[in-house]
């Protein structure tokens, strides 16, 4: 068992769940081939989950507005479908244009 992802009762630590939601939302946007960052993050916790329990994770894009995307991640218990967490991050897409200058230098070898 990885102890830093659990609380004192062997439940998933809420910080580990928040990280999972942030990474999952980021993963939804990897097909855009650009850089993105979470700019707003809302998580609703409904129940705890033990580290050995199986869960189902669903991530989807709710909509786009300009360079912003609204996502939703839902984590449910696989055994009974009980809701564990709903996360709703807003993702900002950053489009970077890299300009590379190559400067040719003439090295004569003289001091």
PDB file of N, CA and C in Angstrom:
ATOM      1  N   UNK A   1       0.837  -1.172   0.000  1.00  0.00           N
ATOM      2  CA  UNK A   1       0.000   0.000   0.000  1.00  0.00           C
ATOM      3  C   UNK A   1       0.888   1.243   0.000  1.00  0.00           C
ATOM      4  N   UNK A   2       0.560   2.202  -0.817  1.00  0.00           N
ATOM      5  CA  UNK A   2       1.290   3.464  -0.854  1.00  0.00           C
ATOM      6  C   UNK A   2       0.671   4.381   0.192  1.00  0.00           C
ATOM      7  N   UNK A   3       1.412   4.683   1.231  1.00  0.00           N
ATOM      8  CA  UNK A   3       0.834   5.386   2.372  1.00  0.00           C
ATOM      9  C   UNK A   3       0.563   6.859   2.114  1.00  0.00           C
ATOM     10  N   UNK A   4       1.305   7.502   1.227  1.00  0.00           N
ATOM     11  CA  UNK A   4       1.092   8.938   1.040  1.00  0.00           C
ATOM     12  C   UNK A   4      -0.158   9.245   0.228  1.00  0.00           C
ATOM     13  N   UNK A   5      -0.842   8.248  -0.312  1.00  0.00           N
ATOM     14  CA  UNK A   5      -2.102   8.485  -1.016  1.00  0.00           C
ATOM     15  C   UNK A   5      -3.306   8.129  -0.155  1.00  0.00           C
ATOM     16  N   UNK A   6      -3.057   7.784   1.118  1.00  0.00           N
ATOM     17  CA  UNK A   6      -4.151   7.387   1.995  1.00  0.00           C
ATOM     18  C   UNK A   6      -4.191   8.251   3.240  1.00  0.00           C
ATOM     19  N   UNK A   7      -5.370   8.260   3.868  1.00  0.00           N
ATOM     20  CA  UNK A   7      -5.480   8.917   5.167  1.00  0.00           C
ATOM     21  C   UNK A   7      -5.249   7.871   6.261  1.00  0.00           C
ATOM     22  N   UNK A   8      -5.505   8.205   7.497  1.00  0.00           N
ATOM     23  CA  UNK A   8      -5.264   7.294   8.607  1.00  0.00           C
ATOM     24  C   UNK A   8      -6.158   6.071   8.627  1.00  0.00           C
ATOM     25  N   UNK A   9      -7.266   6.082   7.871  1.00  0.00           N
ATOM     26  CA  UNK A   9      -8.203   4.955   7.838  1.00  0.00           C
ATOM     27  C   UNK A   9      -8.083   4.126   6.561  1.00  0.00           C
ATOM     28  N   UNK A  10      -6.997   4.281   5.824  1.00  0.00           N
ATOM     29  CA  UNK A  10      -6.741   3.578   4.554  1.00  0.00           C
ATOM     30  C   UNK A  10      -7.729   3.974   3.456  1.00  0.00           C
ATOM     31  N   UNK A  11      -8.304   5.167   3.559  1.00  0.00           N
ATOM     32  CA  UNK A  11      -9.113   5.736   2.477  1.00  0.00           C
ATOM     33  C   UNK A  11      -8.200   6.523   1.551  1.00  0.00           C
ATOM     34  N   UNK A  12      -8.647   6.695   0.300  1.00  0.00           N
ATOM     35  CA  UNK A  12      -7.918   7.602  -0.583  1.00  0.00           C
ATOM     36  C   UNK A  12      -7.853   8.965   0.086  1.00  0.00           C
ATOM     37  N   UNK A  13      -6.696   9.558   0.090  1.00  0.00           N
ATOM     38  CA  UNK A  13      -6.531  10.911   0.622  1.00  0.00           C
ATOM     39  C   UNK A  13      -7.210  11.885  -0.341  1.00  0.00           C
ATOM     40  N   UNK A  14      -7.890  12.901   0.190  1.00  0.00           N
ATOM     41  CA  UNK A  14      -8.610  13.849  -0.673  1.00  0.00           C
ATOM     42  C   UNK A  14      -7.663  14.583  -1.619  1.00  0.00           C
ATOM     43  N   UNK A  15      -6.426  14.805  -1.197  1.00  0.00           N
ATOM     44  CA  UNK A  15      -5.440  15.436  -2.078  1.00  0.00           C
ATOM     45  C   UNK A  15      -5.068  14.538  -3.244  1.00  0.00           C
ATOM     46  N   UNK A  16      -5.003  13.225  -3.003  1.00  0.00           N
ATOM     47  CA  UNK A  16      -4.714  12.274  -4.082  1.00  0.00           C
ATOM     48  C   UNK A  16      -5.865  12.237  -5.082  1.00  0.00           C
ATOM     49  N   UNK A  17      -7.092  12.336  -4.583  1.00  0.00           N
ATOM     50  CA  UNK A  17      -8.256  12.372  -5.474  1.00  0.00           C
ATOM     51  C   UNK A  17      -8.245  13.650  -6.311  1.00  0.00           C
ATOM     52  N   UNK A  18      -7.925  14.772  -5.701  1.00  0.00           N
ATOM     53  CA  UNK A  18      -7.847  16.043  -6.434  1.00  0.00           C
ATOM     54  C   UNK A  18      -6.779  15.971  -7.522  1.00  0.00           C
ATOM     55  N   UNK A  19      -5.644  15.355  -7.208  1.00  0.00           N
ATOM     56  CA  UNK A  19      -4.578  15.194  -8.202  1.00  0.00           C
ATOM     57  C   UNK A  19      -5.044  14.316  -9.348  1.00  0.00           C
ATOM     58  N   UNK A  20      -5.740  13.236  -9.033  1.00  0.00           N
ATOM     59  CA  UNK A  20      -6.275  12.349 -10.062  1.00  0.00           C
ATOM     60  C   UNK A  20      -7.226  13.098 -10.991  1.00  0.00           C
ATOM     61  N   UNK A  21      -8.074  13.936 -10.437  1.00  0.00           N
ATOM     62  CA  UNK A  21      -9.018  14.713 -11.249  1.00  0.00           C
ATOM     63  C   UNK A  21      -8.273  15.710 -12.135  1.00  0.00           C
ATOM     64  N   UNK A  22      -7.262  16.364 -11.598  1.00  0.00           N
ATOM     65  CA  UNK A  22      -6.479  17.324 -12.382  1.00  0.00           C
ATOM     66  C   UNK A  22      -5.748  16.625 -13.522  1.00  0.00           C
ATOM     67  N   UNK A  23      -5.128  15.491 -13.234  1.00  0.00           N
ATOM     68  CA  UNK A  23      -4.409  14.743 -14.269  1.00  0.00           C
ATOM     69  C   UNK A  23      -5.385  14.181 -15.297  1.00  0.00           C
ATOM     70  N   UNK A  24      -6.520  13.676 -14.830  1.00  0.00           N
ATOM     71  CA  UNK A  24      -7.520  13.140 -15.751  1.00  0.00           C
ATOM     72  C   UNK A  24      -8.070  14.191 -16.689  1.00  0.00           C
ATOM     73  N   UNK A  25      -8.347  15.370 -16.165  1.00  0.00           N
ATOM     74  CA  UNK A  25      -8.832  16.467 -17.009  1.00  0.00           C
ATOM     75  C   UNK A  25      -7.770  16.877 -18.015  1.00  0.00           C
ATOM     76  N   UNK A  26      -6.534  16.873 -17.589  1.00  0.00           N
ATOM     77  CA  UNK A  26      -5.434  17.197 -18.490  1.00  0.00           C
ATOM     78  C   UNK A  26      -5.315  16.145 -19.588  1.00  0.00           C
ATOM     79  N   UNK A  27      -5.516  14.897 -19.229  1.00  0.00           N
ATOM     80  CA  UNK A  27      -5.406  13.802 -20.191  1.00  0.00           C
ATOM     81  C   UNK A  27      -6.483  13.880 -21.266  1.00  0.00           C
ATOM     82  N   UNK A  28      -7.653  14.375 -20.924  1.00  0.00           N
ATOM     83  CA  UNK A  28      -8.733  14.527 -21.896  1.00  0.00           C
ATOM     84  C   UNK A  28      -8.297  15.435 -23.040  1.00  0.00           C
ATOM     85  N   UNK A  29      -7.398  16.379 -22.763  1.00  0.00           N
ATOM     86  CA  UNK A  29      -7.005  17.382 -23.754  1.00  0.00           C
ATOM     87  C   UNK A  29      -5.666  17.098 -24.426  1.00  0.00           C
ATOM     88  N   UNK A  30      -5.092  15.922 -24.251  1.00  0.00           N
ATOM     89  CA  UNK A  30      -3.789  15.650 -24.856  1.00  0.00           C
ATOM     90  C   UNK A  30      -3.852  15.584 -26.371  1.00  0.00           C
ATOM     91  N   UNK A  31      -5.010  15.357 -26.944  1.00  0.00           N
ATOM     92  CA  UNK A  31      -5.116  15.296 -28.402  1.00  0.00           C
ATOM     93  C   UNK A  31      -5.008  16.672 -29.047  1.00  0.00           C
ATOM     94  N   UNK A  32      -5.110  17.734 -28.267  1.00  0.00           N
ATOM     95  CA  UNK A  32      -5.020  19.083 -28.823  1.00  0.00           C
ATOM     96  C   UNK A  32      -3.592  19.495 -29.146  1.00  0.00           C
ATOM     97  N   UNK A  33      -2.605  18.753 -28.661  1.00  0.00           N
ATOM     98  CA  UNK A  33      -1.191  19.022 -28.922  1.00  0.00           C
ATOM     99  C   UNK A  33      -0.787  20.442 -28.532  1.00  0.00           C
ATOM    100  N   UNK A  34      -1.313  20.898 -27.417  1.00  0.00           N
ATOM    101  CA  UNK A  34      -0.888  22.190 -26.902  1.00  0.00           C
ATOM    102  C   UNK A  34      -0.724  22.096 -25.391  1.00  0.00           C
ATOM    103  N   UNK A  35      -0.322  23.162 -24.792  1.00  0.00           N
ATOM    104  CA  UNK A  35      -0.118  23.197 -23.351  1.00  0.00           C
ATOM    105  C   UNK A  35      -1.394  23.718 -22.707  1.00  0.00           C
ATOM    106  N   UNK A  36      -1.743  23.160 -21.562  1.00  0.00           N
ATOM    107  CA  UNK A  36      -2.965  23.580 -20.888  1.00  0.00           C
ATOM    108  C   UNK A  36      -2.731  23.626 -19.383  1.00  0.00           C
ATOM    109  N   UNK A  37      -3.571  24.402 -18.711  1.00  0.00           N
ATOM    110  CA  UNK A  37      -3.453  24.553 -17.261  1.00  0.00           C
ATOM    111  C   UNK A  37      -4.848  24.643 -16.653  1.00  0.00           C
ATOM    112  N   UNK A  38      -4.996  24.075 -15.462  1.00  0.00           N
ATOM    113  CA  UNK A  38      -6.255  24.204 -14.724  1.00  0.00           C
ATOM    114  C   UNK A  38      -6.339  25.612 -14.153  1.00  0.00           C
ATOM    115  N   UNK A  39      -7.446  26.306 -14.420  1.00  0.00           N
ATOM    116  CA  UNK A  39      -7.588  27.672 -13.912  1.00  0.00           C
ATOM    117  C   UNK A  39      -8.678  27.789 -12.854  1.00  0.00           C
ATOM    118  N   UNK A  40      -9.599  26.842 -12.830  1.00  0.00           N
ATOM    119  CA  UNK A  40     -10.622  26.801 -11.782  1.00  0.00           C
ATOM    120  C   UNK A  40     -10.902  25.336 -11.511  1.00  0.00           C
ATOM    121  N   UNK A  41     -11.115  25.038 -10.253  1.00  0.00           N
ATOM    122  CA  UNK A  41     -11.173  23.637  -9.853  1.00  0.00           C
ATOM    123  C   UNK A  41     -12.240  23.488  -8.782  1.00  0.00           C
ATOM    124  N   UNK A  42     -13.295  22.735  -9.063  1.00  0.00           N
ATOM    125  CA  UNK A  42     -14.354  22.507  -8.075  1.00  0.00           C
ATOM    126  C   UNK A  42     -14.524  21.002  -7.895  1.00  0.00           C
ATOM    127  N   UNK A  43     -14.455  20.554  -6.638  1.00  0.00           N
ATOM    128  CA  UNK A  43     -14.607  19.133  -6.342  1.00  0.00           C
ATOM    129  C   UNK A  43     -15.679  18.967  -5.277  1.00  0.00           C
ATOM    130  N   UNK A  44     -16.594  18.045  -5.515  1.00  0.00           N
ATOM    131  CA  UNK A  44     -17.616  17.690  -4.529  1.00  0.00           C
ATOM    132  C   UNK A  44     -17.376  16.246  -4.098  1.00  0.00           C
ATOM    133  N   UNK A  45     -17.105  16.065  -2.814  1.00  0.00           N
ATOM    134  CA  UNK A  45     -16.868  14.734  -2.251  1.00  0.00           C
ATOM    135  C   UNK A  45     -18.173  14.212  -1.649  1.00  0.00           C
ATOM    136  N   UNK A  46     -18.568  12.988  -2.017  1.00  0.00           N
ATOM    137  CA  UNK A  46     -19.814  12.404  -1.533  1.00  0.00           C
ATOM    138  C   UNK A  46     -19.590  11.251  -0.567  1.00  0.00           C
ATOM    139  N   UNK A  47     -18.538  10.482  -0.768  1.00  0.00           N
ATOM    140  CA  UNK A  47     -18.234   9.372   0.132  1.00  0.00           C
ATOM    141  C   UNK A  47     -16.749   9.052   0.038  1.00  0.00           C
ATOM    142  N   UNK A  48     -16.282   8.297   1.001  1.00  0.00           N
ATOM    143  CA  UNK A  48     -14.877   7.889   0.986  1.00  0.00           C
ATOM    144  C   UNK A  48     -14.745   6.563   0.244  1.00  0.00           C
ATOM    145  N   UNK A  49     -13.526   6.246  -0.125  1.00  0.00           N
ATOM    146  CA  UNK A  49     -13.255   4.993  -0.829  1.00  0.00           C
ATOM    147  C   UNK A  49     -11.941   4.430  -0.297  1.00  0.00           C
ATOM    148  N   UNK A  50     -11.937   3.141  -0.022  1.00  0.00           N
ATOM    149  CA  UNK A  50     -10.737   2.463   0.453  1.00  0.00           C
ATOM    150  C   UNK A  50      -9.796   2.235  -0.729  1.00  0.00           C
ATOM    151  N   UNK A  51      -8.499   2.161  -0.431  1.00  0.00           N
ATOM    152  CA  UNK A  51      -7.527   2.017  -1.514  1.00  0.00           C
ATOM    153  C   UNK A  51      -7.677   0.695  -2.258  1.00  0.00           C
ATOM    154  N   UNK A  52      -8.192  -0.343  -1.612  1.00  0.00           N
ATOM    155  CA  UNK A  52      -8.341  -1.633  -2.290  1.00  0.00           C
ATOM    156  C   UNK A  52      -9.653  -1.734  -3.075  1.00  0.00           C
ATOM    157  N   UNK A  53     -10.567  -0.772  -2.925  1.00  0.00           N
ATOM    158  CA  UNK A  53     -11.836  -0.796  -3.651  1.00  0.00           C
ATOM    159  C   UNK A  53     -11.628  -0.452  -5.121  1.00  0.00           C
ATOM    160  N   UNK A  54     -12.431  -1.084  -5.981  1.00  0.00           N
ATOM    161  CA  UNK A  54     -12.394  -0.763  -7.405  1.00  0.00           C
ATOM    162  C   UNK A  54     -13.374   0.369  -7.688  1.00  0.00           C
ATOM    163  N   UNK A  55     -12.931   1.302  -8.515  1.00  0.00           N
ATOM    164  CA  UNK A  55     -13.770   2.437  -8.879  1.00  0.00           C
ATOM    165  C   UNK A  55     -13.845   2.553 -10.390  1.00  0.00           C
ATOM    166  N   UNK A  56     -14.861   3.255 -10.860  1.00  0.00           N
ATOM    167  CA  UNK A  56     -14.992   3.608 -12.270  1.00  0.00           C
ATOM    168  C   UNK A  56     -14.793   5.109 -12.389  1.00  0.00           C
ATOM    169  N   UNK A  57     -13.986   5.512 -13.358  1.00  0.00           N
ATOM    170  CA  UNK A  57     -13.688   6.931 -13.557  1.00  0.00           C
ATOM    171  C   UNK A  57     -14.130   7.313 -14.965  1.00  0.00           C
ATOM    172  N   UNK A  58     -14.961   8.337 -15.047  1.00  0.00           N
ATOM    173  CA  UNK A  58     -15.428   8.835 -16.339  1.00  0.00           C
ATOM    174  C   UNK A  58     -15.040  10.302 -16.459  1.00  0.00           C
ATOM    175  N   UNK A  59     -14.439  10.641 -17.585  1.00  0.00           N
ATOM    176  CA  UNK A  59     -14.047  12.031 -17.840  1.00  0.00           C
ATOM    177  C   UNK A  59     -14.644  12.469 -19.170  1.00  0.00           C
ATOM    178  N   UNK A  60     -15.174  13.688 -19.189  1.00  0.00           N
ATOM    179  CA  UNK A  60     -15.716  14.198 -20.446  1.00  0.00           C
ATOM    180  C   UNK A  60     -15.611  15.713 -20.494  1.00  0.00           C
ATOM    181  N   UNK A  61     -15.571  16.218 -21.702  1.00  0.00           N
ATOM    182  CA  UNK A  61     -15.555  17.656 -21.941  1.00  0.00           C
ATOM    183  C   UNK A  61     -17.007  18.116 -22.027  1.00  0.00           C
ATOM    184  N   UNK A  62     -17.353  19.112 -21.214  1.00  0.00           N
ATOM    185  CA  UNK A  62     -18.723  19.636 -21.213  1.00  0.00           C
ATOM    186  C   UNK A  62     -18.932  20.709 -22.266  1.00  0.00           C
ATOM    187  N   UNK A  63     -17.878  21.509 -22.529  1.00  0.00           N
ATOM    188  CA  UNK A  63     -18.018  22.566 -23.515  1.00  0.00           C
ATOM    189  C   UNK A  63     -16.763  23.403 -23.637  1.00  0.00           C
ATOM    190  N   UNK A  64     -16.756  24.265 -24.642  1.00  0.00           N
ATOM    191  CA  UNK A  64     -15.626  25.157 -24.915  1.00  0.00           C
ATOM    192  C   UNK A  64     -16.130  26.588 -25.038  1.00  0.00           C
ATOM    193  N   UNK A  65     -15.300  27.521 -24.608  1.00  0.00           N
ATOM    194  CA  UNK A  65     -15.568  28.937 -24.831  1.00  0.00           C
ATOM    195  C   UNK A  65     -14.218  29.610 -24.999  1.00  0.00           C
ATOM    196  N   UNK A  66     -13.908  30.008 -26.223  1.00  0.00           N
ATOM    197  CA  UNK A  66     -12.597  30.584 -26.501  1.00  0.00           C
ATOM    198  C   UNK A  66     -11.503  29.568 -26.217  1.00  0.00           C
ATOM    199  N   UNK A  67     -10.530  29.967 -25.403  1.00  0.00           N
ATOM    200  CA  UNK A  67      -9.439  29.068 -25.031  1.00  0.00           C
ATOM    201  C   UNK A  67      -9.742  28.276 -23.762  1.00  0.00           C
ATOM    202  N   UNK A  68     -10.972  28.330 -23.273  1.00  0.00           N
ATOM    203  CA  UNK A  68     -11.350  27.610 -22.056  1.00  0.00           C
ATOM    204  C   UNK A  68     -12.198  26.386 -22.389  1.00  0.00           C
ATOM    205  N   UNK A  69     -11.988  25.332 -21.619  1.00  0.00           N
ATOM    206  CA  UNK A  69     -12.817  24.134 -21.710  1.00  0.00           C
ATOM    207  C   UNK A  69     -13.332  23.788 -20.328  1.00  0.00           C
ATOM    208  N   UNK A  70     -14.581  23.379 -20.263  1.00  0.00           N
ATOM    209  CA  UNK A  70     -15.177  22.910 -19.018  1.00  0.00           C
ATOM    210  C   UNK A  70     -15.248  21.388 -19.077  1.00  0.00           C
ATOM    211  N   UNK A  71     -14.699  20.743 -18.063  1.00  0.00           N
ATOM    212  CA  UNK A  71     -14.651  19.289 -18.015  1.00  0.00           C
ATOM    213  C   UNK A  71     -15.409  18.784 -16.800  1.00  0.00           C
ATOM    214  N   UNK A  72     -15.675  17.484 -16.795  1.00  0.00           N
ATOM    215  CA  UNK A  72     -16.259  16.857 -15.613  1.00  0.00           C
ATOM    216  C   UNK A  72     -15.680  15.461 -15.476  1.00  0.00           C
ATOM    217  N   UNK A  73     -15.269  15.137 -14.256  1.00  0.00           N
ATOM    218  CA  UNK A  73     -14.810  13.791 -13.937  1.00  0.00           C
ATOM    219  C   UNK A  73     -15.685  13.254 -12.823  1.00  0.00           C
ATOM    220  N   UNK A  74     -16.136  12.021 -12.993  1.00  0.00           N
ATOM    221  CA  UNK A  74     -16.988  11.365 -12.005  1.00  0.00           C
ATOM    222  C   UNK A  74     -16.300  10.075 -11.576  1.00  0.00           C
ATOM    223  N   UNK A  75     -16.194   9.879 -10.271  1.00  0.00           N
ATOM    224  CA  UNK A  75     -15.639   8.645  -9.722  1.00  0.00           C
ATOM    225  C   UNK A  75     -16.749   7.956  -8.940  1.00  0.00           C
ATOM    226  N   UNK A  76     -17.029   6.693  -9.311  1.00  0.00           N
ATOM    227  CA  UNK A  76     -18.071   5.896  -8.654  1.00  0.00           C
ATOM    228  C   UNK A  76     -17.482   4.570  -8.189  1.00  0.00           C
ATOM    229  N   UNK A  77     -18.103   3.996  -7.165  1.00  0.00           N
ATOM    230  CA  UNK A  77     -17.736   2.655  -6.725  1.00  0.00           C
ATOM    231  C   UNK A  77     -18.185   1.662  -7.792  1.00  0.00           C
ATOM    232  N   UNK A  78     -17.278   0.766  -8.203  1.00  0.00           N
ATOM    233  CA  UNK A  78     -17.621  -0.198  -9.241  1.00  0.00           C
ATOM    234  C   UNK A  78     -18.652  -1.209  -8.744  1.00  0.00           C
ATOM    235  N   UNK A  79     -18.561  -1.578  -7.488  1.00  0.00           N
ATOM    236  CA  UNK A  79     -19.431  -2.616  -6.926  1.00  0.00           C
ATOM    237  C   UNK A  79     -20.906  -2.222  -6.914  1.00  0.00           C
ATOM    238  N   UNK A  80     -21.205  -1.003  -6.487  1.00  0.00           N
ATOM    239  CA  UNK A  80     -22.609  -0.620  -6.320  1.00  0.00           C
ATOM    240  C   UNK A  80     -22.999   0.686  -7.023  1.00  0.00           C
ATOM    241  N   UNK A  81     -22.051   1.341  -7.686  1.00  0.00           N
ATOM    242  CA  UNK A  81     -22.350   2.576  -8.410  1.00  0.00           C
ATOM    243  C   UNK A  81     -22.486   3.809  -7.544  1.00  0.00           C
ATOM    244  N   UNK A  82     -22.183   3.680  -6.237  1.00  0.00           N
ATOM    245  CA  UNK A  82     -22.265   4.844  -5.345  1.00  0.00           C
ATOM    246  C   UNK A  82     -21.295   5.932  -5.790  1.00  0.00           C
ATOM    247  N   UNK A  83     -21.765   7.150  -5.764  1.00  0.00           N
ATOM    248  CA  UNK A  83     -20.966   8.298  -6.165  1.00  0.00           C
ATOM    249  C   UNK A  83     -19.922   8.618  -5.103  1.00  0.00           C
ATOM    250  N   UNK A  84     -18.677   8.772  -5.531  1.00  0.00           N
ATOM    251  CA  UNK A  84     -17.581   9.127  -4.626  1.00  0.00           C
ATOM    252  C   UNK A  84     -17.242  10.603  -4.779  1.00  0.00           C
ATOM    253  N   UNK A  85     -16.983  11.034  -6.011  1.00  0.00           N
ATOM    254  CA  UNK A  85     -16.515  12.401  -6.267  1.00  0.00           C
ATOM    255  C   UNK A  85     -17.010  12.879  -7.627  1.00  0.00           C
ATOM    256  N   UNK A  86     -17.328  14.168  -7.711  1.00  0.00           N
ATOM    257  CA  UNK A  86     -17.508  14.845  -8.995  1.00  0.00           C
ATOM    258  C   UNK A  86     -16.531  16.009  -9.017  1.00  0.00           C
ATOM    259  N   UNK A  87     -15.710  16.058 -10.044  1.00  0.00           N
ATOM    260  CA  UNK A  87     -14.759  17.153 -10.209  1.00  0.00           C
ATOM    261  C   UNK A  87     -15.074  17.922 -11.476  1.00  0.00           C
ATOM    262  N   UNK A  88     -15.031  19.255 -11.387  1.00  0.00           N
ATOM    263  CA  UNK A  88     -15.313  20.106 -12.546  1.00  0.00           C
ATOM    264  C   UNK A  88     -14.202  21.143 -12.709  1.00  0.00           C
ATOM    265  N   UNK A  89     -13.139  20.765 -13.403  1.00  0.00           N
ATOM    266  CA  UNK A  89     -12.080  21.742 -13.662  1.00  0.00           C
ATOM    267  C   UNK A  89     -12.344  22.533 -14.945  1.00  0.00           C
ATOM    268  N   UNK A  90     -11.876  23.768 -14.956  1.00  0.00           N
ATOM    269  CA  UNK A  90     -11.824  24.583 -16.169  1.00  0.00           C
ATOM    270  C   UNK A  90     -10.378  24.561 -16.648  1.00  0.00           C
ATOM    271  N   UNK A  91     -10.186  24.301 -17.931  1.00  0.00           N
ATOM    272  CA  UNK A  91      -8.852  24.174 -18.508  1.00  0.00           C
ATOM    273  C   UNK A  91      -8.619  25.325 -19.486  1.00  0.00           C
ATOM    274  N   UNK A  92      -7.472  25.983 -19.343  1.00  0.00           N
ATOM    275  CA  UNK A  92      -7.054  27.038 -20.266  1.00  0.00           C
ATOM    276  C   UNK A  92      -6.049  26.445 -21.239  1.00  0.00           C
ATOM    277  N   UNK A  93      -6.309  26.623 -22.527  1.00  0.00           N
ATOM    278  CA  UNK A  93      -5.406  26.120 -23.562  1.00  0.00           C
ATOM    279  C   UNK A  93      -4.454  27.237 -23.974  1.00  0.00           C
ATOM    280  N   UNK A  94      -3.181  26.968 -23.849  1.00  0.00           N
ATOM    281  CA  UNK A  94      -2.152  27.938 -24.206  1.00  0.00           C
ATOM    282  C   UNK A  94      -1.504  27.499 -25.507  1.00  0.00           C
ATOM    283  N   UNK A  95      -1.565  28.341 -26.489  1.00  0.00           N
ATOM    284  CA  UNK A  95      -0.947  28.022 -27.767  1.00  0.00           C
ATOM    285  C   UNK A  95       0.374  28.769 -27.835  1.00  0.00           C
ATOM    286  N   UNK A  96       1.422  28.013 -27.911  1.00  0.00           N
ATOM    287  CA  UNK A  96       2.758  28.604 -27.934  1.00  0.00           C
ATOM    288  C   UNK A  96       3.340  28.512 -29.331  1.00  0.00           C
ATOM    289  N   UNK A  97       3.878  29.594 -29.775  1.00  0.00           N
ATOM    290  CA  UNK A  97       4.578  29.620 -31.051  1.00  0.00           C
ATOM    291  C   UNK A  97       6.046  29.832 -30.736  1.00  0.00           C
ATOM    292  N   UNK A  98       6.826  28.870 -31.075  1.00  0.00           N
ATOM    293  CA  UNK A  98       8.253  28.946 -30.796  1.00  0.00           C
ATOM    294  C   UNK A  98       8.989  29.432 -32.032  1.00  0.00           C
ATOM    295  N   UNK A  99       9.790  30.430 -31.842  1.00  0.00           N
ATOM    296  CA  UNK A  99      10.635  30.924 -32.919  1.00  0.00           C
ATOM    297  C   UNK A  99      12.070  30.594 -32.545  1.00  0.00           C
ATOM    298  N   UNK A 100      12.708  29.885 -33.395  1.00  0.00           N
ATOM    299  CA  UNK A 100      14.081  29.473 -33.130  1.00  0.00           C
ATOM    300  C   UNK A 100      15.002  30.241 -34.062  1.00  0.00           C
ATOM    301  N   UNK A 101      15.955  30.912 -33.467  1.00  0.00           N
ATOM    302  CA  UNK A 101      16.963  31.612 -34.251  1.00  0.00           C
ATOM    303  C   UNK A 101      18.252  30.808 -34.180  1.00  0.00           C
ATOM    304  N   UNK A 102      18.804  30.575 -35.312  1.00  0.00           N
ATOM    305  CA  UNK A 102      20.093  29.903 -35.360  1.00  0.00           C
ATOM    306  C   UNK A 102      21.117  30.937 -35.787  1.00  0.00           C
ATOM    307  N   UNK A 103      22.062  31.135 -34.942  1.00  0.00           N
ATOM    308  CA  UNK A 103      23.102  32.107 -35.222  1.00  0.00           C
ATOM    309  C   UNK A 103      24.383  31.345 -35.558  1.00  0.00           C
ATOM    310  N   UNK A 104      24.893  31.614 -36.727  1.00  0.00           N
ATOM    311  CA  UNK A 104      26.132  30.964 -37.127  1.00  0.00           C
ATOM    312  C   UNK A 104      27.300  31.827 -36.674  1.00  0.00           C
ATOM    313  N   UNK A 105      28.196  31.195 -36.000  1.00  0.00           N
ATOM    314  CA  UNK A 105      29.373  31.906 -35.497  1.00  0.00           C
ATOM    315  C   UNK A 105      30.605  31.429 -36.245  1.00  0.00           C
ATOM    316  N   UNK A 106      31.483  32.351 -36.476  1.00  0.00           N
ATOM    317  CA  UNK A 106      32.744  32.025 -37.135  1.00  0.00           C
ATOM    318  C   UNK A 106      33.823  31.939 -36.066  1.00  0.00           C
ATOM    319  N   UNK A 107      34.237  30.743 -35.783  1.00  0.00           N
ATOM    320  CA  UNK A 107      35.294  30.551 -34.790  1.00  0.00           C
ATOM    321  C   UNK A 107      36.605  30.363 -35.531  1.00  0.00           C
ATOM    322  N   UNK A 108      37.484  31.321 -35.362  1.00  0.00           N
ATOM    323  CA  UNK A 108      38.768  31.245 -36.068  1.00  0.00           C
ATOM    324  C   UNK A 108      39.814  30.492 -35.273  1.00  0.00           C
ATOM    325  N   UNK A 109      39.576  30.314 -34.002  1.00  0.00           N
ATOM    326  CA  UNK A 109      40.560  29.631 -33.179  1.00  0.00           C
ATOM    327  C   UNK A 109      41.622  30.566 -32.637  1.00  0.00           C
ATOM    328  N   UNK A 110      41.636  31.828 -33.067  1.00  0.00           N
ATOM    329  CA  UNK A 110      42.625  32.794 -32.573  1.00  0.00           C
ATOM    330  C   UNK A 110      42.113  33.416 -31.286  1.00  0.00           C
ATOM    331  N   UNK A 111      43.042  33.741 -30.374  1.00  0.00           N
ATOM    332  CA  UNK A 111      42.677  34.374 -29.111  1.00  0.00           C
ATOM    333  C   UNK A 111      42.446  35.829 -29.269  1.00  0.00           C
TER     334      UNK A 111
END
